[in-house]
Amino acid sequence: MGSIGPFQILIIALVILVLFGRGRISEMMGDFGKGVKSFRKGLNDEDNAAEEAKPSARIEGPSHEAKPAGETVESAPAATGDKTAS
């Protein structure tokens, strides 16, 4: 007595069809499908954002501009009172 058979499911489906009508049921199912599609898209967007946020394994060089080996960097005069540089 506790189980629902196929005949009872058919009667419930017919009552729902009479109450809501065929157009309204198809509209609700379309809205449900759009909601599921939007939900899946949101999950995929979060997964893509998480993958992009991962640090890369690339090794970065120094943050300053490196000079070629042949060029020298001119230094400012020392603060020890050396007045010959002026």
PDB file of N, CA and C in Angstrom:
ATOM      1  N   MET A   1       0.815  -1.191   0.000  1.00  0.00           N
ATOM      2  CA  MET A   1       0.000   0.000   0.000  1.00  0.00           C
ATOM      3  C   MET A   1       0.862   1.260   0.000  1.00  0.00           C
ATOM      4  N   GLY A   2       2.134   1.191   0.409  1.00  0.00           N
ATOM      5  CA  GLY A   2       2.989   2.352   0.532  1.00  0.00           C
ATOM      6  C   GLY A   2       3.664   2.764  -0.769  1.00  0.00           C
ATOM      7  N   SER A   3       3.726   1.890  -1.762  1.00  0.00           N
ATOM      8  CA  SER A   3       4.434   2.231  -2.992  1.00  0.00           C
ATOM      9  C   SER A   3       3.492   2.856  -4.018  1.00  0.00           C
ATOM     10  N   ILE A   4       4.070   3.694  -4.849  1.00  0.00           N
ATOM     11  CA  ILE A   4       3.292   4.344  -5.913  1.00  0.00           C
ATOM     12  C   ILE A   4       3.602   3.615  -7.208  1.00  0.00           C
ATOM     13  N   GLY A   5       2.583   3.141  -7.872  1.00  0.00           N
ATOM     14  CA  GLY A   5       2.744   2.410  -9.114  1.00  0.00           C
ATOM     15  C   GLY A   5       2.645   3.318 -10.330  1.00  0.00           C
ATOM     16  N   PRO A   6       2.834   2.768 -11.505  1.00  0.00           N
ATOM     17  CA  PRO A   6       2.791   3.553 -12.736  1.00  0.00           C
ATOM     18  C   PRO A   6       1.405   4.143 -13.002  1.00  0.00           C
ATOM     19  N   PHE A   7       0.358   3.462 -12.567  1.00  0.00           N
ATOM     20  CA  PHE A   7      -0.998   3.973 -12.773  1.00  0.00           C
ATOM     21  C   PHE A   7      -1.231   5.248 -11.948  1.00  0.00           C
ATOM     22  N   GLN A   8      -0.754   5.267 -10.721  1.00  0.00           N
ATOM     23  CA  GLN A   8      -0.903   6.455  -9.877  1.00  0.00           C
ATOM     24  C   GLN A   8      -0.081   7.630 -10.437  1.00  0.00           C
ATOM     25  N   ILE A   9       1.106   7.346 -10.938  1.00  0.00           N
ATOM     26  CA  ILE A   9       1.938   8.402 -11.536  1.00  0.00           C
ATOM     27  C   ILE A   9       1.242   8.991 -12.759  1.00  0.00           C
ATOM     28  N   LEU A  10       0.597   8.160 -13.561  1.00  0.00           N
ATOM     29  CA  LEU A  10      -0.142   8.625 -14.743  1.00  0.00           C
ATOM     30  C   LEU A  10      -1.298   9.527 -14.335  1.00  0.00           C
ATOM     31  N   ILE A  11      -2.019   9.167 -13.290  1.00  0.00           N
ATOM     32  CA  ILE A  11      -3.133   9.991 -12.813  1.00  0.00           C
ATOM     33  C   ILE A  11      -2.619  11.339 -12.296  1.00  0.00           C
ATOM     34  N   ILE A  12      -1.512  11.342 -11.557  1.00  0.00           N
ATOM     35  CA  ILE A  12      -0.936  12.593 -11.052  1.00  0.00           C
ATOM     36  C   ILE A  12      -0.504  13.480 -12.216  1.00  0.00           C
ATOM     37  N   ALA A  13       0.109  12.889 -13.240  1.00  0.00           N
ATOM     38  CA  ALA A  13       0.541  13.656 -14.409  1.00  0.00           C
ATOM     39  C   ALA A  13      -0.654  14.271 -15.135  1.00  0.00           C
ATOM     40  N   LEU A  14      -1.750  13.531 -15.273  1.00  0.00           N
ATOM     41  CA  LEU A  14      -2.950  14.062 -15.926  1.00  0.00           C
ATOM     42  C   LEU A  14      -3.566  15.208 -15.123  1.00  0.00           C
ATOM     43  N   VAL A  15      -3.581  15.100 -13.798  1.00  0.00           N
ATOM     44  CA  VAL A  15      -4.124  16.177 -12.963  1.00  0.00           C
ATOM     45  C   VAL A  15      -3.274  17.434 -13.106  1.00  0.00           C
ATOM     46  N   ILE A  16      -1.955  17.285 -13.112  1.00  0.00           N
ATOM     47  CA  ILE A  16      -1.062  18.446 -13.289  1.00  0.00           C
ATOM     48  C   ILE A  16      -1.283  19.067 -14.659  1.00  0.00           C
ATOM     49  N   LEU A  17      -1.440  18.239 -15.684  1.00  0.00           N
ATOM     50  CA  LEU A  17      -1.672  18.747 -17.037  1.00  0.00           C
ATOM     51  C   LEU A  17      -2.977  19.523 -17.119  1.00  0.00           C
ATOM     52  N   VAL A  18      -4.025  19.032 -16.464  1.00  0.00           N
ATOM     53  CA  VAL A  18      -5.316  19.731 -16.475  1.00  0.00           C
ATOM     54  C   VAL A  18      -5.223  21.048 -15.711  1.00  0.00           C
ATOM     55  N   LEU A  19      -4.542  21.047 -14.573  1.00  0.00           N
ATOM     56  CA  LEU A  19      -4.446  22.253 -13.761  1.00  0.00           C
ATOM     57  C   LEU A  19      -3.622  23.353 -14.432  1.00  0.00           C
ATOM     58  N   PHE A  20      -2.471  23.016 -14.972  1.00  0.00           N
ATOM     59  CA  PHE A  20      -1.573  24.028 -15.499  1.00  0.00           C
ATOM     60  C   PHE A  20      -1.676  24.222 -17.007  1.00  0.00           C
ATOM     61  N   GLY A  21      -2.093  23.236 -17.727  1.00  0.00           N
ATOM     62  CA  GLY A  21      -2.158  23.349 -19.178  1.00  0.00           C
ATOM     63  C   GLY A  21      -0.811  23.019 -19.807  1.00  0.00           C
ATOM     64  N   ARG A  22      -0.874  22.605 -21.073  1.00  0.00           N
ATOM     65  CA  ARG A  22       0.324  22.173 -21.773  1.00  0.00           C
ATOM     66  C   ARG A  22       1.311  23.314 -21.974  1.00  0.00           C
ATOM     67  N   GLY A  23       0.845  24.506 -22.295  1.00  0.00           N
ATOM     68  CA  GLY A  23       1.722  25.647 -22.551  1.00  0.00           C
ATOM     69  C   GLY A  23       2.481  26.084 -21.317  1.00  0.00           C
ATOM     70  N   ARG A  24       1.787  26.116 -20.203  1.00  0.00           N
ATOM     71  CA  ARG A  24       2.417  26.555 -18.960  1.00  0.00           C
ATOM     72  C   ARG A  24       3.473  25.548 -18.499  1.00  0.00           C
ATOM     73  N   ILE A  25       3.219  24.258 -18.665  1.00  0.00           N
ATOM     74  CA  ILE A  25       4.188  23.235 -18.266  1.00  0.00           C
ATOM     75  C   ILE A  25       5.435  23.317 -19.130  1.00  0.00           C
ATOM     76  N   SER A  26       5.274  23.498 -20.443  1.00  0.00           N
ATOM     77  CA  SER A  26       6.451  23.600 -21.311  1.00  0.00           C
ATOM     78  C   SER A  26       7.240  24.871 -21.003  1.00  0.00           C
ATOM     79  N   GLU A  27       6.536  25.947 -20.626  1.00  0.00           N
ATOM     80  CA  GLU A  27       7.214  27.191 -20.243  1.00  0.00           C
ATOM     81  C   GLU A  27       8.028  26.994 -18.961  1.00  0.00           C
ATOM     82  N   MET A  28       7.438  26.281 -17.992  1.00  0.00           N
ATOM     83  CA  MET A  28       8.152  26.015 -16.737  1.00  0.00           C
ATOM     84  C   MET A  28       9.375  25.132 -16.980  1.00  0.00           C
ATOM     85  N   MET A  29       9.237  24.123 -17.840  1.00  0.00           N
ATOM     86  CA  MET A  29      10.369  23.246 -18.134  1.00  0.00           C
ATOM     87  C   MET A  29      11.463  24.012 -18.880  1.00  0.00           C
ATOM     88  N   GLY A  30      11.071  24.939 -19.762  1.00  0.00           N
ATOM     89  CA  GLY A  30      12.060  25.773 -20.453  1.00  0.00           C
ATOM     90  C   GLY A  30      12.819  26.655 -19.481  1.00  0.00           C
ATOM     91  N   ASP A  31      12.086  27.249 -18.534  1.00  0.00           N
ATOM     92  CA  ASP A  31      12.732  28.071 -17.507  1.00  0.00           C
ATOM     93  C   ASP A  31      13.661  27.228 -16.637  1.00  0.00           C
ATOM     94  N   PHE A  32      13.235  26.020 -16.327  1.00  0.00           N
ATOM     95  CA  PHE A  32      14.068  25.114 -15.537  1.00  0.00           C
ATOM     96  C   PHE A  32      15.351  24.769 -16.293  1.00  0.00           C
ATOM     97  N   GLY A  33      15.225  24.493 -17.589  1.00  0.00           N
ATOM     98  CA  GLY A  33      16.393  24.194 -18.418  1.00  0.00           C
ATOM     99  C   GLY A  33      17.359  25.367 -18.496  1.00  0.00           C
ATOM    100  N   LYS A  34      16.824  26.588 -18.624  1.00  0.00           N
ATOM    101  CA  LYS A  34      17.680  27.776 -18.653  1.00  0.00           C
ATOM    102  C   LYS A  34      18.410  27.960 -17.327  1.00  0.00           C
ATOM    103  N   GLY A  35      17.729  27.667 -16.234  1.00  0.00           N
ATOM    104  CA  GLY A  35      18.356  27.778 -14.921  1.00  0.00           C
ATOM    105  C   GLY A  35      19.497  26.790 -14.756  1.00  0.00           C
ATOM    106  N   VAL A  36      19.284  25.558 -15.207  1.00  0.00           N
ATOM    107  CA  VAL A  36      20.330  24.542 -15.119  1.00  0.00           C
ATOM    108  C   VAL A  36      21.519  24.939 -15.995  1.00  0.00           C
ATOM    109  N   LYS A  37      21.240  25.445 -17.190  1.00  0.00           N
ATOM    110  CA  LYS A  37      22.304  25.876 -18.104  1.00  0.00           C
ATOM    111  C   LYS A  37      23.104  27.023 -17.495  1.00  0.00           C
ATOM    112  N   SER A  38      22.426  27.971 -16.895  1.00  0.00           N
ATOM    113  CA  SER A  38      23.101  29.097 -16.248  1.00  0.00           C
ATOM    114  C   SER A  38      23.947  28.620 -15.065  1.00  0.00           C
ATOM    115  N   PHE A  39      23.427  27.675 -14.304  1.00  0.00           N
ATOM    116  CA  PHE A  39      24.157  27.120 -13.164  1.00  0.00           C
ATOM    117  C   PHE A  39      25.439  26.441 -13.624  1.00  0.00           C
ATOM    118  N   ARG A  40      25.352  25.630 -14.680  1.00  0.00           N
ATOM    119  CA  ARG A  40      26.534  24.946 -15.197  1.00  0.00           C
ATOM    120  C   ARG A  40      27.557  25.941 -15.727  1.00  0.00           C
ATOM    121  N   LYS A  41      27.075  26.987 -16.399  1.00  0.00           N
ATOM    122  CA  LYS A  41      27.976  28.017 -16.920  1.00  0.00           C
ATOM    123  C   LYS A  41      28.700  28.709 -15.771  1.00  0.00           C
ATOM    124  N   GLY A  42      27.984  28.990 -14.693  1.00  0.00           N
ATOM    125  CA  GLY A  42      28.605  29.606 -13.522  1.00  0.00           C
ATOM    126  C   GLY A  42      29.669  28.718 -12.908  1.00  0.00           C
ATOM    127  N   LEU A  43      29.414  27.420 -12.843  1.00  0.00           N
ATOM    128  CA  LEU A  43      30.421  26.496 -12.317  1.00  0.00           C
ATOM    129  C   LEU A  43      31.653  26.470 -13.197  1.00  0.00           C
ATOM    130  N   ASN A  44      31.455  26.449 -14.518  1.00  0.00           N
ATOM    131  CA  ASN A  44      32.589  26.437 -15.443  1.00  0.00           C
ATOM    132  C   ASN A  44      33.379  27.735 -15.355  1.00  0.00           C
ATOM    133  N   ASP A  45      32.702  28.866 -15.192  1.00  0.00           N
ATOM    134  CA  ASP A  45      33.394  30.149 -15.062  1.00  0.00           C
ATOM    135  C   ASP A  45      34.249  30.171 -13.805  1.00  0.00           C
ATOM    136  N   GLU A  46      33.733  29.625 -12.707  1.00  0.00           N
ATOM    137  CA  GLU A  46      34.513  29.575 -11.469  1.00  0.00           C
ATOM    138  C   GLU A  46      35.724  28.670 -11.626  1.00  0.00           C
ATOM    139  N   ASP A  47      35.562  27.545 -12.325  1.00  0.00           N
ATOM    140  CA  ASP A  47      36.689  26.638 -12.547  1.00  0.00           C
ATOM    141  C   ASP A  47      37.754  27.313 -13.400  1.00  0.00           C
ATOM    142  N   ASN A  48      37.337  28.035 -14.441  1.00  0.00           N
ATOM    143  CA  ASN A  48      38.290  28.731 -15.304  1.00  0.00           C
ATOM    144  C   ASN A  48      39.019  29.830 -14.540  1.00  0.00           C
ATOM    145  N   ALA A  49      38.307  30.551 -13.695  1.00  0.00           N
ATOM    146  CA  ALA A  49      38.931  31.612 -12.909  1.00  0.00           C
ATOM    147  C   ALA A  49      39.936  31.022 -11.920  1.00  0.00           C
ATOM    148  N   ALA A  50      39.631  29.873 -11.354  1.00  0.00           N
ATOM    149  CA  ALA A  50      40.546  29.231 -10.411  1.00  0.00           C
ATOM    150  C   ALA A  50      41.808  28.759 -11.130  1.00  0.00           C
ATOM    151  N   GLU A  51      41.672  28.253 -12.355  1.00  0.00           N
ATOM    152  CA  GLU A  51      42.834  27.811 -13.124  1.00  0.00           C
ATOM    153  C   GLU A  51      43.709  28.992 -13.509  1.00  0.00           C
ATOM    154  N   GLU A  52      43.113  30.132 -13.841  1.00  0.00           N
ATOM    155  CA  GLU A  52      43.878  31.312 -14.218  1.00  0.00           C
ATOM    156  C   GLU A  52      44.582  31.918 -13.015  1.00  0.00           C
ATOM    157  N   ALA A  53      44.058  31.729 -11.821  1.00  0.00           N
ATOM    158  CA  ALA A  53      44.642  32.315 -10.620  1.00  0.00           C
ATOM    159  C   ALA A  53      45.839  31.525 -10.109  1.00  0.00           C
ATOM    160  N   LYS A  54      46.028  30.313 -10.589  1.00  0.00           N
ATOM    161  CA  LYS A  54      47.156  29.511 -10.150  1.00  0.00           C
ATOM    162  C   LYS A  54      48.453  30.168 -10.618  1.00  0.00           C
ATOM    163  N   PRO A  55      49.483  30.188  -9.766  1.00  0.00           N
ATOM    164  CA  PRO A  55      50.755  30.777 -10.189  1.00  0.00           C
ATOM    165  C   PRO A  55      51.418  29.913 -11.248  1.00  0.00           C
ATOM    166  N   SER A  56      52.074  30.556 -12.168  1.00  0.00           N
ATOM    167  CA  SER A  56      52.729  29.812 -13.237  1.00  0.00           C
ATOM    168  C   SER A  56      54.075  29.297 -12.739  1.00  0.00           C
ATOM    169  N   ALA A  57      54.594  28.300 -13.398  1.00  0.00           N
ATOM    170  CA  ALA A  57      55.864  27.703 -13.023  1.00  0.00           C
ATOM    171  C   ALA A  57      57.022  28.430 -13.710  1.00  0.00           C
ATOM    172  N   ARG A  58      56.751  29.499 -14.391  1.00  0.00           N
ATOM    173  CA  ARG A  58      57.769  30.241 -15.110  1.00  0.00           C
ATOM    174  C   ARG A  58      58.663  30.984 -14.128  1.00  0.00           C
ATOM    175  N   ILE A  59      59.963  30.956 -14.369  1.00  0.00           N
ATOM    176  CA  ILE A  59      60.909  31.669 -13.524  1.00  0.00           C
ATOM    177  C   ILE A  59      61.091  33.063 -14.102  1.00  0.00           C
ATOM    178  N   GLU A  60      60.925  34.051 -13.256  1.00  0.00           N
ATOM    179  CA  GLU A  60      61.045  35.430 -13.704  1.00  0.00           C
ATOM    180  C   GLU A  60      62.443  35.948 -13.430  1.00  0.00           C
ATOM    181  N   GLY A  61      62.896  36.870 -14.271  1.00  0.00           N
ATOM    182  CA  GLY A  61      64.214  37.477 -14.118  1.00  0.00           C
ATOM    183  C   GLY A  61      64.185  38.587 -13.089  1.00  0.00           C
ATOM    184  N   PRO A  62      65.286  39.328 -12.979  1.00  0.00           N
ATOM    185  CA  PRO A  62      65.333  40.418 -12.001  1.00  0.00           C
ATOM    186  C   PRO A  62      64.356  41.524 -12.351  1.00  0.00           C
ATOM    187  N   SER A  63      63.925  42.255 -11.338  1.00  0.00           N
ATOM    188  CA  SER A  63      62.943  43.305 -11.570  1.00  0.00           C
ATOM    189  C   SER A  63      63.578  44.578 -12.102  1.00  0.00           C
ATOM    190  N   HIS A  64      64.905  44.721 -12.004  1.00  0.00           N
ATOM    191  CA  HIS A  64      65.581  45.904 -12.543  1.00  0.00           C
ATOM    192  C   HIS A  64      66.044  45.632 -13.968  1.00  0.00           C
ATOM    193  N   GLU A  65      66.419  46.690 -14.657  1.00  0.00           N
ATOM    194  CA  GLU A  65      66.887  46.518 -16.025  1.00  0.00           C
ATOM    195  C   GLU A  65      68.353  46.122 -15.985  1.00  0.00           C
ATOM    196  N   ALA A  66      68.683  45.004 -16.567  1.00  0.00           N
ATOM    197  CA  ALA A  66      70.053  44.527 -16.588  1.00  0.00           C
ATOM    198  C   ALA A  66      70.803  45.202 -17.728  1.00  0.00           C
ATOM    199  N   LYS A  67      72.051  45.553 -17.488  1.00  0.00           N
ATOM    200  CA  LYS A  67      72.903  46.170 -18.505  1.00  0.00           C
ATOM    201  C   LYS A  67      73.761  45.085 -19.137  1.00  0.00           C
ATOM    202  N   PRO A  68      74.115  45.238 -20.397  1.00  0.00           N
ATOM    203  CA  PRO A  68      75.037  44.282 -21.020  1.00  0.00           C
ATOM    204  C   PRO A  68      76.386  44.317 -20.306  1.00  0.00           C
ATOM    205  N   ALA A  69      77.158  43.267 -20.427  1.00  0.00           N
ATOM    206  CA  ALA A  69      78.419  43.141 -19.700  1.00  0.00           C
ATOM    207  C   ALA A  69      79.427  44.216 -20.083  1.00  0.00           C
ATOM    208  N   GLY A  70      79.385  44.730 -21.298  1.00  0.00           N
ATOM    209  CA  GLY A  70      80.358  45.726 -21.743  1.00  0.00           C
ATOM    210  C   GLY A  70      80.093  47.113 -21.202  1.00  0.00           C
ATOM    211  N   GLU A  71      78.910  47.419 -20.777  1.00  0.00           N
ATOM    212  CA  GLU A  71      78.569  48.756 -20.299  1.00  0.00           C
ATOM    213  C   GLU A  71      78.785  48.835 -18.792  1.00  0.00           C
ATOM    214  N   THR A  72      79.251  49.990 -18.337  1.00  0.00           N
ATOM    215  CA  THR A  72      79.425  50.199 -16.905  1.00  0.00           C
ATOM    216  C   THR A  72      78.429  51.238 -16.433  1.00  0.00           C
ATOM    217  N   VAL A  73      78.108  51.177 -15.183  1.00  0.00           N
ATOM    218  CA  VAL A  73      77.181  52.122 -14.593  1.00  0.00           C
ATOM    219  C   VAL A  73      77.987  53.217 -13.922  1.00  0.00           C
ATOM    220  N   GLU A  74      77.703  54.492 -14.262  1.00  0.00           N
ATOM    221  CA  GLU A  74      78.420  55.603 -13.639  1.00  0.00           C
ATOM    222  C   GLU A  74      77.837  55.834 -12.252  1.00  0.00           C
ATOM    223  N   SER A  75      78.712  55.909 -11.281  1.00  0.00           N
ATOM    224  CA  SER A  75      78.235  56.103  -9.919  1.00  0.00           C
ATOM    225  C   SER A  75      78.340  57.572  -9.542  1.00  0.00           C
ATOM    226  N   ALA A  76      77.532  57.971  -8.576  1.00  0.00           N
ATOM    227  CA  ALA A  76      77.550  59.331  -8.066  1.00  0.00           C
ATOM    228  C   ALA A  76      78.779  59.515  -7.183  1.00  0.00           C
ATOM    229  N   PRO A  77      79.245  60.753  -7.006  1.00  0.00           N
ATOM    230  CA  PRO A  77      80.409  60.964  -6.137  1.00  0.00           C
ATOM    231  C   PRO A  77      80.104  60.523  -4.708  1.00  0.00           C
ATOM    232  N   ALA A  78      81.120  60.042  -4.058  1.00  0.00           N
ATOM    233  CA  ALA A  78      80.952  59.548  -2.693  1.00  0.00           C
ATOM    234  C   ALA A  78      80.656  60.701  -1.758  1.00  0.00           C
ATOM    235  N   ALA A  79      79.992  60.406  -0.685  1.00  0.00           N
ATOM    236  CA  ALA A  79      79.586  61.424   0.269  1.00  0.00           C
ATOM    237  C   ALA A  79      80.678  61.683   1.306  1.00  0.00           C
ATOM    238  N   THR A  80      81.939  61.324   1.019  1.00  0.00           N
ATOM    239  CA  THR A  80      83.018  61.503   1.990  1.00  0.00           C
ATOM    240  C   THR A  80      83.694  62.851   1.859  1.00  0.00           C
ATOM    241  N   GLY A  81      83.125  63.707   1.086  1.00  0.00           N
ATOM    242  CA  GLY A  81      83.709  65.027   0.941  1.00  0.00           C
ATOM    243  C   GLY A  81      84.587  65.134  -0.285  1.00  0.00           C
ATOM    244  N   ASP A  82      84.499  64.231  -1.210  1.00  0.00           N
ATOM    245  CA  ASP A  82      85.295  64.275  -2.429  1.00  0.00           C
ATOM    246  C   ASP A  82      84.745  65.353  -3.335  1.00  0.00           C
ATOM    247  N   LYS A  83      85.458  66.451  -3.500  1.00  0.00           N
ATOM    248  CA  LYS A  83      85.009  67.583  -4.297  1.00  0.00           C
ATOM    249  C   LYS A  83      85.621  67.575  -5.693  1.00  0.00           C
ATOM    250  N   THR A  84      86.389  66.579  -6.049  1.00  0.00           N
ATOM    251  CA  THR A  84      87.045  66.567  -7.347  1.00  0.00           C
ATOM    252  C   THR A  84      86.095  66.220  -8.474  1.00  0.00           C
ATOM    253  N   ALA A  85      84.981  65.639  -8.192  1.00  0.00           N
ATOM    254  CA  ALA A  85      84.039  65.215  -9.221  1.00  0.00           C
ATOM    255  C   ALA A  85      83.209  66.367  -9.745  1.00  0.00           C
ATOM    256  N   SER A  86      83.265  67.580  -9.144  1.00  0.00           N
ATOM    257  CA  SER A  86      82.401  68.659  -9.589  1.00  0.00           C
ATOM    258  C   SER A  86      82.945  69.484 -10.691  1.00  0.00           C
TER     259      SER A  86
END
